[in-house]
Amino acid sequence: MIRSPLIFVPLLLCCLAAGQQPPQVSDKTPGQRTPDASAGSNLPQSSTPAAPAKASTPAAPTTVKPAADASDSGNSDPFLDAPPLPKTNVTLIGGTVRSIDHVRDHMTVLPFGGKPLKITFDERTHIYRDGVETTFMGINKGDRVYVDTQLDPSKADVFARNVHVVTQTNAADARGQVVAVRGSSITLQDQLSGQPVSFQLDSATKVQRKSGPGSAADLVPGALVTLQFATNQANRRILRQVNVIARPGDSFKFFGQVTHLDLSRGVLAVRNLADDQTYEIAFNPEATPEASSLRVGTQVVVNASFTGKGYRASDVSVTQARVAEPQ
């Protein structure tokens, strides 16, 4: 049986019409695919396209920024910001600037009674000139400075945290024992640094003894002194005043409480009521009749002389067996 082609034409037109239905009559939401076989394979891909890209991007802080310590705020740039300050102890050094290099950012300081020391500085360093903050150009050769220094382990050098430049001629204090006298120069074994330091006397230097005004003749080797000095433009320490505490051969009387006693060595320490200072005094227990009455806490009167190396008692008297401890 032969079918006429005219029968297929209406069927073809019906199929084409069915495939071109407008979107507004569909019950699907805009953008949603028809759940056919091809659309079903695309749905999982459309829901996870960003995950692989996110996982493949490395985190910048782990590759650029070094590990931060406890004091780091986490906002510093390791390439643009200055490194953190060293965590070593801070040491104050006083002296005069022997040389300074503003290009290489370091200076050489001659400490009072010490050896030349190279100190570095950078943008982390604070510079003060007579109490006013300034720049590195405020430090000049010959300036008197006080530097807060720290040892920088990363560079194995001494770093300046703060630099205080003092141009005013305020007097500084020192204390020690005279070890040499040469003309108008005296050398002192400084009690603080343990180093010999030289000073210059001039016509304006005042010498004072406990008994009254003194003279340069009282400054003999072995004498214990306190002094005030100022540094001039030539970096010389000029004495303003010298107080002579004791010279070899001087006699003293101490009255106070025994704070330490060693009969085997023949040494006692007395807290002197006159100046509230403690003095260690050597004595001979066998030649001291009241040695058996000596105790820590007893009140004594000691006549002694200064030998240049210490005090030696000529006699020791007990005035009170023992002072009662305060309640």
C-alpha atoms as a PDB file:
ATOM      1  CA  MET A   1       0.000   0.000   0.000  1.00  0.00           C
ATOM      2  CA  ILE A   2       1.496   3.330  -1.046  1.00  0.00           C
ATOM      3  CA  ARG A   3       1.030   6.282   1.266  1.00  0.00           C
ATOM      4  CA  SER A   4       0.706   9.723  -0.079  1.00  0.00           C
ATOM      5  CA  PRO A   5       3.382  12.321   0.859  1.00  0.00           C
ATOM      6  CA  LEU A   6       0.650  14.755   1.668  1.00  0.00           C
ATOM      7  CA  ILE A   7      -0.150  12.710   4.786  1.00  0.00           C
ATOM      8  CA  PHE A   8       3.346  13.412   6.260  1.00  0.00           C
ATOM      9  CA  VAL A   9       3.282  17.153   5.724  1.00  0.00           C
ATOM     10  CA  PRO A  10       0.672  17.895   8.436  1.00  0.00           C
ATOM     11  CA  LEU A  11       2.505  15.601  10.837  1.00  0.00           C
ATOM     12  CA  LEU A  12       5.816  17.390  10.239  1.00  0.00           C
ATOM     13  CA  LEU A  13       4.252  20.775  10.784  1.00  0.00           C
ATOM     14  CA  CYS A  14       2.728  19.616  14.062  1.00  0.00           C
ATOM     15  CA  CYS A  15       6.121  18.429  15.352  1.00  0.00           C
ATOM     16  CA  LEU A  16       7.816  21.665  14.397  1.00  0.00           C
ATOM     17  CA  ALA A  17       5.103  23.634  16.109  1.00  0.00           C
ATOM     18  CA  ALA A  18       5.499  21.551  19.238  1.00  0.00           C
ATOM     19  CA  GLY A  19       9.268  22.217  19.333  1.00  0.00           C
ATOM     20  CA  GLN A  20       8.926  26.039  19.105  1.00  0.00           C
ATOM     21  CA  GLN A  21       6.650  26.723  22.077  1.00  0.00           C
ATOM     22  CA  PRO A  22       7.225  30.188  23.709  1.00  0.00           C
ATOM     23  CA  PRO A  23       9.256  30.251  27.104  1.00  0.00           C
ATOM     24  CA  GLN A  24       6.433  32.013  28.983  1.00  0.00           C
ATOM     25  CA  VAL A  25       4.162  29.047  28.752  1.00  0.00           C
ATOM     26  CA  SER A  26       6.745  26.742  30.315  1.00  0.00           C
ATOM     27  CA  ASP A  27       6.616  25.988  34.066  1.00  0.00           C
ATOM     28  CA  LYS A  28      10.438  26.190  34.316  1.00  0.00           C
ATOM     29  CA  THR A  29      12.223  29.126  35.978  1.00  0.00           C
ATOM     30  CA  PRO A  30      14.375  31.377  33.793  1.00  0.00           C
ATOM     31  CA  GLY A  31      17.834  29.907  33.172  1.00  0.00           C
ATOM     32  CA  GLN A  32      16.878  26.396  34.320  1.00  0.00           C
ATOM     33  CA  ARG A  33      17.674  23.651  31.897  1.00  0.00           C
ATOM     34  CA  THR A  34      15.263  20.916  30.926  1.00  0.00           C
ATOM     35  CA  PRO A  35      16.232  17.774  32.826  1.00  0.00           C
ATOM     36  CA  ASP A  36      17.181  15.754  29.811  1.00  0.00           C
ATOM     37  CA  ALA A  37      20.206  13.511  29.485  1.00  0.00           C
ATOM     38  CA  SER A  38      22.577  16.254  28.382  1.00  0.00           C
ATOM     39  CA  ALA A  39      21.360  18.748  31.001  1.00  0.00           C
ATOM     40  CA  GLY A  40      21.707  16.191  33.749  1.00  0.00           C
ATOM     41  CA  SER A  41      25.428  15.855  32.990  1.00  0.00           C
ATOM     42  CA  ASN A  42      25.871  19.647  33.222  1.00  0.00           C
ATOM     43  CA  LEU A  43      24.182  20.253  36.600  1.00  0.00           C
ATOM     44  CA  PRO A  44      27.009  18.993  38.858  1.00  0.00           C
ATOM     45  CA  GLN A  45      29.571  20.963  36.854  1.00  0.00           C
ATOM     46  CA  SER A  46      27.596  24.221  37.136  1.00  0.00           C
ATOM     47  CA  SER A  47      27.470  23.978  40.965  1.00  0.00           C
ATOM     48  CA  THR A  48      31.262  23.563  41.615  1.00  0.00           C
ATOM     49  CA  PRO A  49      33.304  25.613  39.144  1.00  0.00           C
ATOM     50  CA  ALA A  50      35.099  27.870  41.784  1.00  0.00           C
ATOM     51  CA  ALA A  51      36.350  25.179  44.153  1.00  0.00           C
ATOM     52  CA  PRO A  52      39.365  23.973  42.098  1.00  0.00           C
ATOM     53  CA  ALA A  53      40.534  27.585  41.436  1.00  0.00           C
ATOM     54  CA  LYS A  54      40.390  28.478  45.142  1.00  0.00           C
ATOM     55  CA  ALA A  55      42.361  25.445  46.212  1.00  0.00           C
ATOM     56  CA  SER A  56      45.064  26.025  43.630  1.00  0.00           C
ATOM     57  CA  THR A  57      45.811  29.648  44.759  1.00  0.00           C
ATOM     58  CA  PRO A  58      48.641  29.724  47.432  1.00  0.00           C
ATOM     59  CA  ALA A  59      48.191  31.912  50.547  1.00  0.00           C
ATOM     60  CA  ALA A  60      50.413  34.984  50.266  1.00  0.00           C
ATOM     61  CA  PRO A  61      51.451  35.293  53.971  1.00  0.00           C
ATOM     62  CA  THR A  62      52.945  31.803  54.015  1.00  0.00           C
ATOM     63  CA  THR A  63      55.241  32.477  51.068  1.00  0.00           C
ATOM     64  CA  VAL A  64      56.155  36.173  51.530  1.00  0.00           C
ATOM     65  CA  LYS A  65      55.852  37.261  55.132  1.00  0.00           C
ATOM     66  CA  PRO A  66      58.254  35.711  57.669  1.00  0.00           C
ATOM     67  CA  ALA A  67      56.906  34.092  60.790  1.00  0.00           C
ATOM     68  CA  ALA A  68      55.809  36.753  63.284  1.00  0.00           C
ATOM     69  CA  ASP A  69      56.763  36.714  66.934  1.00  0.00           C
ATOM     70  CA  ALA A  70      54.506  37.475  69.870  1.00  0.00           C
ATOM     71  CA  SER A  71      55.097  41.222  69.617  1.00  0.00           C
ATOM     72  CA  ASP A  72      54.336  41.406  65.861  1.00  0.00           C
ATOM     73  CA  SER A  73      50.963  42.911  65.027  1.00  0.00           C
ATOM     74  CA  GLY A  74      50.780  40.909  61.791  1.00  0.00           C
ATOM     75  CA  ASN A  75      50.445  44.034  59.618  1.00  0.00           C
ATOM     76  CA  SER A  76      54.125  44.744  58.882  1.00  0.00           C
ATOM     77  CA  ASP A  77      55.649  44.393  55.442  1.00  0.00           C
ATOM     78  CA  PRO A  78      58.936  42.443  55.556  1.00  0.00           C
ATOM     79  CA  PHE A  79      60.268  44.316  52.515  1.00  0.00           C
ATOM     80  CA  LEU A  80      59.192  47.876  53.323  1.00  0.00           C
ATOM     81  CA  ASP A  81      59.057  48.004  57.130  1.00  0.00           C
ATOM     82  CA  ALA A  82      62.058  48.101  59.474  1.00  0.00           C
ATOM     83  CA  PRO A  83      62.830  44.852  61.311  1.00  0.00           C
ATOM     84  CA  PRO A  84      61.704  44.578  64.930  1.00  0.00           C
ATOM     85  CA  LEU A  85      64.046  45.853  67.625  1.00  0.00           C
ATOM     86  CA  PRO A  86      66.375  43.308  69.236  1.00  0.00           C
ATOM     87  CA  LYS A  87      65.051  41.648  72.377  1.00  0.00           C
ATOM     88  CA  THR A  88      68.407  41.758  74.197  1.00  0.00           C
ATOM     89  CA  ASN A  89      69.012  43.794  77.357  1.00  0.00           C
ATOM     90  CA  VAL A  90      69.486  47.560  77.084  1.00  0.00           C
ATOM     91  CA  THR A  91      72.794  49.006  78.339  1.00  0.00           C
ATOM     92  CA  LEU A  92      73.440  52.717  78.866  1.00  0.00           C
ATOM     93  CA  ILE A  93      76.810  53.913  77.571  1.00  0.00           C
ATOM     94  CA  GLY A  94      78.083  57.451  78.066  1.00  0.00           C
ATOM     95  CA  GLY A  95      80.979  58.978  76.173  1.00  0.00           C
ATOM     96  CA  THR A  96      82.038  61.252  73.349  1.00  0.00           C
ATOM     97  CA  VAL A  97      81.621  60.765  69.604  1.00  0.00           C
ATOM     98  CA  ARG A  98      85.022  60.112  68.063  1.00  0.00           C
ATOM     99  CA  SER A  99      83.708  59.700  64.505  1.00  0.00           C
ATOM    100  CA  ILE A 100      80.355  59.378  62.713  1.00  0.00           C
ATOM    101  CA  ASP A 101      79.425  58.084  59.257  1.00  0.00           C
ATOM    102  CA  HIS A 102      75.997  59.292  58.115  1.00  0.00           C
ATOM    103  CA  VAL A 103      76.225  57.212  54.935  1.00  0.00           C
ATOM    104  CA  ARG A 104      76.937  53.815  56.509  1.00  0.00           C
ATOM    105  CA  ASP A 105      74.894  54.666  59.609  1.00  0.00           C
ATOM    106  CA  HIS A 106      77.430  54.019  62.350  1.00  0.00           C
ATOM    107  CA  MET A 107      79.507  56.011  64.816  1.00  0.00           C
ATOM    108  CA  THR A 108      82.442  55.379  67.126  1.00  0.00           C
ATOM    109  CA  VAL A 109      81.922  56.377  70.748  1.00  0.00           C
ATOM    110  CA  LEU A 110      84.700  56.673  73.303  1.00  0.00           C
ATOM    111  CA  PRO A 111      83.070  55.722  76.633  1.00  0.00           C
ATOM    112  CA  PHE A 112      84.153  57.477  79.796  1.00  0.00           C
ATOM    113  CA  GLY A 113      87.005  55.317  81.051  1.00  0.00           C
ATOM    114  CA  GLY A 114      86.616  52.701  78.296  1.00  0.00           C
ATOM    115  CA  LYS A 115      87.764  51.711  74.831  1.00  0.00           C
ATOM    116  CA  PRO A 116      86.305  52.978  71.517  1.00  0.00           C
ATOM    117  CA  LEU A 117      83.058  51.246  70.593  1.00  0.00           C
ATOM    118  CA  LYS A 118      81.408  51.075  67.161  1.00  0.00           C
ATOM    119  CA  ILE A 119      77.632  51.597  67.346  1.00  0.00           C
ATOM    120  CA  THR A 120      75.172  51.293  64.450  1.00  0.00           C
ATOM    121  CA  PHE A 121      71.881  53.142  64.009  1.00  0.00           C
ATOM    122  CA  ASP A 122      68.994  53.270  61.524  1.00  0.00           C
ATOM    123  CA  GLU A 123      65.439  54.595  61.147  1.00  0.00           C
ATOM    124  CA  ARG A 124      64.430  52.786  64.353  1.00  0.00           C
ATOM    125  CA  THR A 125      66.847  54.905  66.403  1.00  0.00           C
ATOM    126  CA  HIS A 126      65.529  57.982  68.227  1.00  0.00           C
ATOM    127  CA  ILE A 127      67.933  60.941  68.379  1.00  0.00           C
ATOM    128  CA  TYR A 128      67.569  63.682  70.990  1.00  0.00           C
ATOM    129  CA  ARG A 129      69.699  66.805  71.186  1.00  0.00           C
ATOM    130  CA  ASP A 130      69.376  68.548  74.538  1.00  0.00           C
ATOM    131  CA  GLY A 131      66.017  66.799  75.011  1.00  0.00           C
ATOM    132  CA  VAL A 132      64.566  67.722  71.589  1.00  0.00           C
ATOM    133  CA  GLU A 133      64.105  64.902  69.071  1.00  0.00           C
ATOM    134  CA  THR A 134      66.050  65.434  65.864  1.00  0.00           C
ATOM    135  CA  THR A 135      67.637  63.471  62.987  1.00  0.00           C
ATOM    136  CA  PHE A 136      70.952  61.668  62.553  1.00  0.00           C
ATOM    137  CA  MET A 137      72.433  64.945  61.369  1.00  0.00           C
ATOM    138  CA  GLY A 138      72.079  66.155  64.957  1.00  0.00           C
ATOM    139  CA  ILE A 139      75.060  63.988  65.976  1.00  0.00           C
ATOM    140  CA  ASN A 140      78.479  65.553  65.406  1.00  0.00           C
ATOM    141  CA  LYS A 141      82.041  64.547  66.073  1.00  0.00           C
ATOM    142  CA  GLY A 142      83.060  65.568  69.592  1.00  0.00           C
ATOM    143  CA  ASP A 143      79.502  65.526  70.956  1.00  0.00           C
ATOM    144  CA  ARG A 144      78.907  64.114  74.394  1.00  0.00           C
ATOM    145  CA  VAL A 145      76.297  61.349  74.140  1.00  0.00           C
ATOM    146  CA  TYR A 146      74.433  58.849  76.259  1.00  0.00           C
ATOM    147  CA  VAL A 147      73.335  55.828  74.214  1.00  0.00           C
ATOM    148  CA  ASP A 148      70.807  53.099  75.041  1.00  0.00           C
ATOM    149  CA  THR A 149      72.529  50.181  73.325  1.00  0.00           C
ATOM    150  CA  GLN A 150      71.469  46.647  72.487  1.00  0.00           C
ATOM    151  CA  LEU A 151      73.390  43.739  71.034  1.00  0.00           C
ATOM    152  CA  ASP A 152      71.876  42.800  67.655  1.00  0.00           C
ATOM    153  CA  PRO A 153      72.447  39.033  67.253  1.00  0.00           C
ATOM    154  CA  SER A 154      71.417  39.074  63.579  1.00  0.00           C
ATOM    155  CA  LYS A 155      74.294  41.414  62.667  1.00  0.00           C
ATOM    156  CA  ALA A 156      76.638  40.739  65.610  1.00  0.00           C
ATOM    157  CA  ASP A 157      77.018  44.449  66.334  1.00  0.00           C
ATOM    158  CA  VAL A 158      75.923  47.034  68.900  1.00  0.00           C
ATOM    159  CA  PHE A 159      72.716  48.865  67.950  1.00  0.00           C
ATOM    160  CA  ALA A 160      71.651  52.297  69.258  1.00  0.00           C
ATOM    161  CA  ARG A 161      68.056  52.350  70.392  1.00  0.00           C
ATOM    162  CA  ASN A 162      68.185  55.949  71.702  1.00  0.00           C
ATOM    163  CA  VAL A 163      70.912  58.567  71.446  1.00  0.00           C
ATOM    164  CA  HIS A 164      70.872  61.571  73.777  1.00  0.00           C
ATOM    165  CA  VAL A 165      73.249  64.350  72.709  1.00  0.00           C
ATOM    166  CA  VAL A 166      74.148  66.726  75.552  1.00  0.00           C
ATOM    167  CA  THR A 167      75.722  70.050  74.597  1.00  0.00           C
ATOM    168  CA  GLN A 168      75.202  71.786  77.908  1.00  0.00           C
ATOM    169  CA  THR A 169      78.174  71.633  80.254  1.00  0.00           C
ATOM    170  CA  ASN A 170      76.395  70.079  83.203  1.00  0.00           C
ATOM    171  CA  ALA A 171      78.772  68.456  85.648  1.00  0.00           C
ATOM    172  CA  ALA A 172      78.935  64.671  85.925  1.00  0.00           C
ATOM    173  CA  ASP A 173      79.831  62.706  89.046  1.00  0.00           C
ATOM    174  CA  ALA A 174      82.494  60.076  89.638  1.00  0.00           C
ATOM    175  CA  ARG A 175      83.795  58.199  92.662  1.00  0.00           C
ATOM    176  CA  GLY A 176      86.904  56.127  93.229  1.00  0.00           C
ATOM    177  CA  GLN A 177      90.499  56.001  94.374  1.00  0.00           C
ATOM    178  CA  VAL A 178      93.393  58.085  93.100  1.00  0.00           C
ATOM    179  CA  VAL A 179      96.015  55.833  91.502  1.00  0.00           C
ATOM    180  CA  ALA A 180      98.368  58.404  89.961  1.00  0.00           C
ATOM    181  CA  VAL A 181      99.108  62.129  89.992  1.00  0.00           C
ATOM    182  CA  ARG A 182     101.116  63.761  87.196  1.00  0.00           C
ATOM    183  CA  GLY A 183     101.263  67.546  87.306  1.00  0.00           C
ATOM    184  CA  SER A 184      97.723  68.853  86.838  1.00  0.00           C
ATOM    185  CA  SER A 185      96.390  65.435  85.795  1.00  0.00           C
ATOM    186  CA  ILE A 186      95.072  62.804  88.188  1.00  0.00           C
ATOM    187  CA  THR A 187      94.043  59.252  87.318  1.00  0.00           C
ATOM    188  CA  LEU A 188      91.140  57.731  89.192  1.00  0.00           C
ATOM    189  CA  GLN A 189      90.227  54.071  89.486  1.00  0.00           C
ATOM    190  CA  ASP A 190      86.530  54.558  88.803  1.00  0.00           C
ATOM    191  CA  GLN A 191      84.345  52.681  91.263  1.00  0.00           C
ATOM    192  CA  LEU A 192      81.521  52.188  88.742  1.00  0.00           C
ATOM    193  CA  SER A 193      83.396  50.984  85.661  1.00  0.00           C
ATOM    194  CA  GLY A 194      86.498  49.615  87.390  1.00  0.00           C
ATOM    195  CA  GLN A 195      88.649  51.377  84.765  1.00  0.00           C
ATOM    196  CA  PRO A 196      91.276  54.112  85.245  1.00  0.00           C
ATOM    197  CA  VAL A 197      90.026  57.543  84.125  1.00  0.00           C
ATOM    198  CA  SER A 198      92.130  60.704  83.826  1.00  0.00           C
ATOM    199  CA  PHE A 199      90.977  64.194  84.801  1.00  0.00           C
ATOM    200  CA  GLN A 200      92.480  67.661  84.564  1.00  0.00           C
ATOM    201  CA  LEU A 201      92.698  70.255  87.307  1.00  0.00           C
ATOM    202  CA  ASP A 202      92.658  73.966  86.543  1.00  0.00           C
ATOM    203  CA  SER A 203      92.613  77.195  88.521  1.00  0.00           C
ATOM    204  CA  ALA A 204      88.840  76.914  89.047  1.00  0.00           C
ATOM    205  CA  THR A 205      88.931  73.394  90.571  1.00  0.00           C
ATOM    206  CA  LYS A 206      87.792  73.338  94.203  1.00  0.00           C
ATOM    207  CA  VAL A 207      89.186  70.741  96.605  1.00  0.00           C
ATOM    208  CA  GLN A 208      87.261  70.058  99.798  1.00  0.00           C
ATOM    209  CA  ARG A 209      88.150  67.948 102.832  1.00  0.00           C
ATOM    210  CA  LYS A 210      85.835  66.943 105.657  1.00  0.00           C
ATOM    211  CA  SER A 211      87.692  69.260 107.988  1.00  0.00           C
ATOM    212  CA  GLY A 212      87.467  72.211 105.590  1.00  0.00           C
ATOM    213  CA  PRO A 213      88.909  73.566 102.349  1.00  0.00           C
ATOM    214  CA  GLY A 214      91.699  71.515 100.809  1.00  0.00           C
ATOM    215  CA  SER A 215      94.220  71.881  98.007  1.00  0.00           C
ATOM    216  CA  ALA A 216      95.700  69.894  95.144  1.00  0.00           C
ATOM    217  CA  ALA A 217      98.298  68.563  97.621  1.00  0.00           C
ATOM    218  CA  ASP A 218      95.512  66.489  99.230  1.00  0.00           C
ATOM    219  CA  LEU A 219      95.079  64.515  96.000  1.00  0.00           C
ATOM    220  CA  VAL A 220      97.646  61.804  96.643  1.00  0.00           C
ATOM    221  CA  PRO A 221      97.744  58.179  95.388  1.00  0.00           C
ATOM    222  CA  GLY A 222      95.495  56.005  97.508  1.00  0.00           C
ATOM    223  CA  ALA A 223      93.082  58.796  98.426  1.00  0.00           C
ATOM    224  CA  LEU A 224      89.361  58.098  98.204  1.00  0.00           C
ATOM    225  CA  VAL A 225      87.519  60.918  96.441  1.00  0.00           C
ATOM    226  CA  THR A 226      84.239  61.942  94.883  1.00  0.00           C
ATOM    227  CA  LEU A 227      84.350  64.528  92.134  1.00  0.00           C
ATOM    228  CA  GLN A 228      82.380  66.539  89.635  1.00  0.00           C
ATOM    229  CA  PHE A 229      83.704  67.172  86.139  1.00  0.00           C
ATOM    230  CA  ALA A 230      82.678  68.579  82.769  1.00  0.00           C
ATOM    231  CA  THR A 231      83.976  67.777  79.280  1.00  0.00           C
ATOM    232  CA  ASN A 232      85.263  70.701  77.235  1.00  0.00           C
ATOM    233  CA  GLN A 233      85.375  71.069  73.448  1.00  0.00           C
ATOM    234  CA  ALA A 234      88.738  69.312  73.322  1.00  0.00           C
ATOM    235  CA  ASN A 235      87.168  66.229  74.953  1.00  0.00           C
ATOM    236  CA  ARG A 236      89.128  66.752  78.173  1.00  0.00           C
ATOM    237  CA  ARG A 237      87.489  66.045  81.523  1.00  0.00           C
ATOM    238  CA  ILE A 238      87.961  69.178  83.624  1.00  0.00           C
ATOM    239  CA  LEU A 239      87.474  68.858  87.374  1.00  0.00           C
ATOM    240  CA  ARG A 240      85.113  71.324  88.951  1.00  0.00           C
ATOM    241  CA  GLN A 241      85.156  70.014  92.499  1.00  0.00           C
ATOM    242  CA  VAL A 242      86.912  67.209  94.369  1.00  0.00           C
ATOM    243  CA  ASN A 243      85.793  65.987  97.784  1.00  0.00           C
ATOM    244  CA  VAL A 244      88.503  64.058  99.619  1.00  0.00           C
ATOM    245  CA  ILE A 245      86.896  61.305 101.697  1.00  0.00           C
ATOM    246  CA  ALA A 246      90.066  59.731 103.075  1.00  0.00           C
ATOM    247  CA  ARG A 247      93.830  59.882 102.589  1.00  0.00           C
ATOM    248  CA  PRO A 248      96.293  57.211 103.704  1.00  0.00           C
ATOM    249  CA  GLY A 249      97.071  57.874 107.366  1.00  0.00           C
ATOM    250  CA  ASP A 250      93.877  59.778 108.154  1.00  0.00           C
ATOM    251  CA  SER A 251      92.162  58.842 111.437  1.00  0.00           C
ATOM    252  CA  PHE A 252      88.434  58.178 111.793  1.00  0.00           C
ATOM    253  CA  LYS A 253      85.975  57.374 114.553  1.00  0.00           C
ATOM    254  CA  PHE A 254      82.986  55.185 113.707  1.00  0.00           C
ATOM    255  CA  PHE A 255      79.958  54.863 115.941  1.00  0.00           C
ATOM    256  CA  GLY A 256      77.146  52.510 115.026  1.00  0.00           C
ATOM    257  CA  GLN A 257      75.782  49.012 114.857  1.00  0.00           C
ATOM    258  CA  VAL A 258      77.752  45.908 113.905  1.00  0.00           C
ATOM    259  CA  THR A 259      76.178  44.441 110.760  1.00  0.00           C
ATOM    260  CA  HIS A 260      78.794  41.745 110.061  1.00  0.00           C
ATOM    261  CA  LEU A 261      81.399  39.972 112.184  1.00  0.00           C
ATOM    262  CA  ASP A 262      84.132  37.457 111.290  1.00  0.00           C
ATOM    263  CA  LEU A 263      86.439  36.779 114.242  1.00  0.00           C
ATOM    264  CA  SER A 264      88.508  34.235 112.311  1.00  0.00           C
ATOM    265  CA  ARG A 265      89.481  36.870 109.737  1.00  0.00           C
ATOM    266  CA  GLY A 266      89.378  39.800 112.128  1.00  0.00           C
ATOM    267  CA  VAL A 267      86.818  41.799 110.171  1.00  0.00           C
ATOM    268  CA  LEU A 268      83.696  43.641 111.280  1.00  0.00           C
ATOM    269  CA  ALA A 269      81.306  45.902 109.413  1.00  0.00           C
ATOM    270  CA  VAL A 270      79.821  48.949 111.131  1.00  0.00           C
ATOM    271  CA  ARG A 271      76.889  51.015 109.958  1.00  0.00           C
ATOM    272  CA  ASN A 272      78.098  54.483 110.871  1.00  0.00           C
ATOM    273  CA  LEU A 273      75.402  56.752 112.312  1.00  0.00           C
ATOM    274  CA  ALA A 274      77.177  59.928 111.165  1.00  0.00           C
ATOM    275  CA  ASP A 275      76.625  59.300 107.439  1.00  0.00           C
ATOM    276  CA  ASP A 276      74.466  56.151 107.419  1.00  0.00           C
ATOM    277  CA  GLN A 277      77.175  54.291 105.475  1.00  0.00           C
ATOM    278  CA  THR A 278      78.546  50.824 106.205  1.00  0.00           C
ATOM    279  CA  TYR A 279      82.311  50.442 106.586  1.00  0.00           C
ATOM    280  CA  GLU A 280      84.327  47.232 106.661  1.00  0.00           C
ATOM    281  CA  ILE A 281      87.056  47.508 109.285  1.00  0.00           C
ATOM    282  CA  ALA A 282      89.917  45.136 110.002  1.00  0.00           C
ATOM    283  CA  PHE A 283      90.874  44.534 113.672  1.00  0.00           C
ATOM    284  CA  ASN A 284      92.901  42.161 115.857  1.00  0.00           C
ATOM    285  CA  PRO A 285      90.523  40.089 118.021  1.00  0.00           C
ATOM    286  CA  GLU A 286      93.382  39.008 120.336  1.00  0.00           C
ATOM    287  CA  ALA A 287      94.286  42.643 121.057  1.00  0.00           C
ATOM    288  CA  THR A 288      90.648  43.636 121.609  1.00  0.00           C
ATOM    289  CA  PRO A 289      89.559  43.035 125.229  1.00  0.00           C
ATOM    290  CA  GLU A 290      85.881  43.221 124.376  1.00  0.00           C
ATOM    291  CA  ALA A 291      86.101  40.883 121.386  1.00  0.00           C
ATOM    292  CA  SER A 292      84.105  38.214 123.253  1.00  0.00           C
ATOM    293  CA  SER A 293      81.220  40.676 123.674  1.00  0.00           C
ATOM    294  CA  LEU A 294      81.015  41.500 119.980  1.00  0.00           C
ATOM    295  CA  ARG A 295      77.864  40.293 118.272  1.00  0.00           C
ATOM    296  CA  VAL A 296      75.959  41.304 115.171  1.00  0.00           C
ATOM    297  CA  GLY A 297      73.604  44.035 116.372  1.00  0.00           C
ATOM    298  CA  THR A 298      75.806  45.427 119.161  1.00  0.00           C
ATOM    299  CA  GLN A 299      76.620  49.148 119.255  1.00  0.00           C
ATOM    300  CA  VAL A 300      80.323  49.927 119.071  1.00  0.00           C
ATOM    301  CA  VAL A 301      82.778  52.823 118.874  1.00  0.00           C
ATOM    302  CA  VAL A 302      85.752  52.130 116.612  1.00  0.00           C
ATOM    303  CA  ASN A 303      88.869  54.263 116.270  1.00  0.00           C
ATOM    304  CA  ALA A 304      90.530  53.442 112.961  1.00  0.00           C
ATOM    305  CA  SER A 305      92.900  54.779 110.326  1.00  0.00           C
ATOM    306  CA  PHE A 306      92.777  54.567 106.556  1.00  0.00           C
ATOM    307  CA  THR A 307      95.689  52.577 105.089  1.00  0.00           C
ATOM    308  CA  GLY A 308      95.053  53.211 101.406  1.00  0.00           C
ATOM    309  CA  LYS A 309      93.631  49.689 101.029  1.00  0.00           C
ATOM    310  CA  GLY A 310      91.012  49.898 103.765  1.00  0.00           C
ATOM    311  CA  TYR A 311      90.311  50.814 107.387  1.00  0.00           C
ATOM    312  CA  ARG A 312      92.211  49.287 110.308  1.00  0.00           C
ATOM    313  CA  ALA A 313      90.957  49.609 113.900  1.00  0.00           C
ATOM    314  CA  SER A 314      93.242  50.639 116.729  1.00  0.00           C
ATOM    315  CA  ASP A 315      90.574  49.877 119.356  1.00  0.00           C
ATOM    316  CA  VAL A 316      86.968  48.677 119.482  1.00  0.00           C
ATOM    317  CA  SER A 317      84.616  49.472 122.408  1.00  0.00           C
ATOM    318  CA  VAL A 318      81.170  47.986 122.989  1.00  0.00           C
ATOM    319  CA  THR A 319      78.707  50.658 124.140  1.00  0.00           C
ATOM    320  CA  GLN A 320      75.553  48.517 124.100  1.00  0.00           C
ATOM    321  CA  ALA A 321      75.317  44.763 124.102  1.00  0.00           C
ATOM    322  CA  ARG A 322      72.690  44.573 121.407  1.00  0.00           C
ATOM    323  CA  VAL A 323      70.056  46.837 119.943  1.00  0.00           C
ATOM    324  CA  ALA A 324      66.553  45.417 120.212  1.00  0.00           C
ATOM    325  CA  GLU A 325      64.943  44.662 116.872  1.00  0.00           C
ATOM    326  CA  PRO A 326      61.854  46.782 116.115  1.00  0.00           C
ATOM    327  CA  GLN A 327      58.566  44.953 116.569  1.00  0.00           C
END
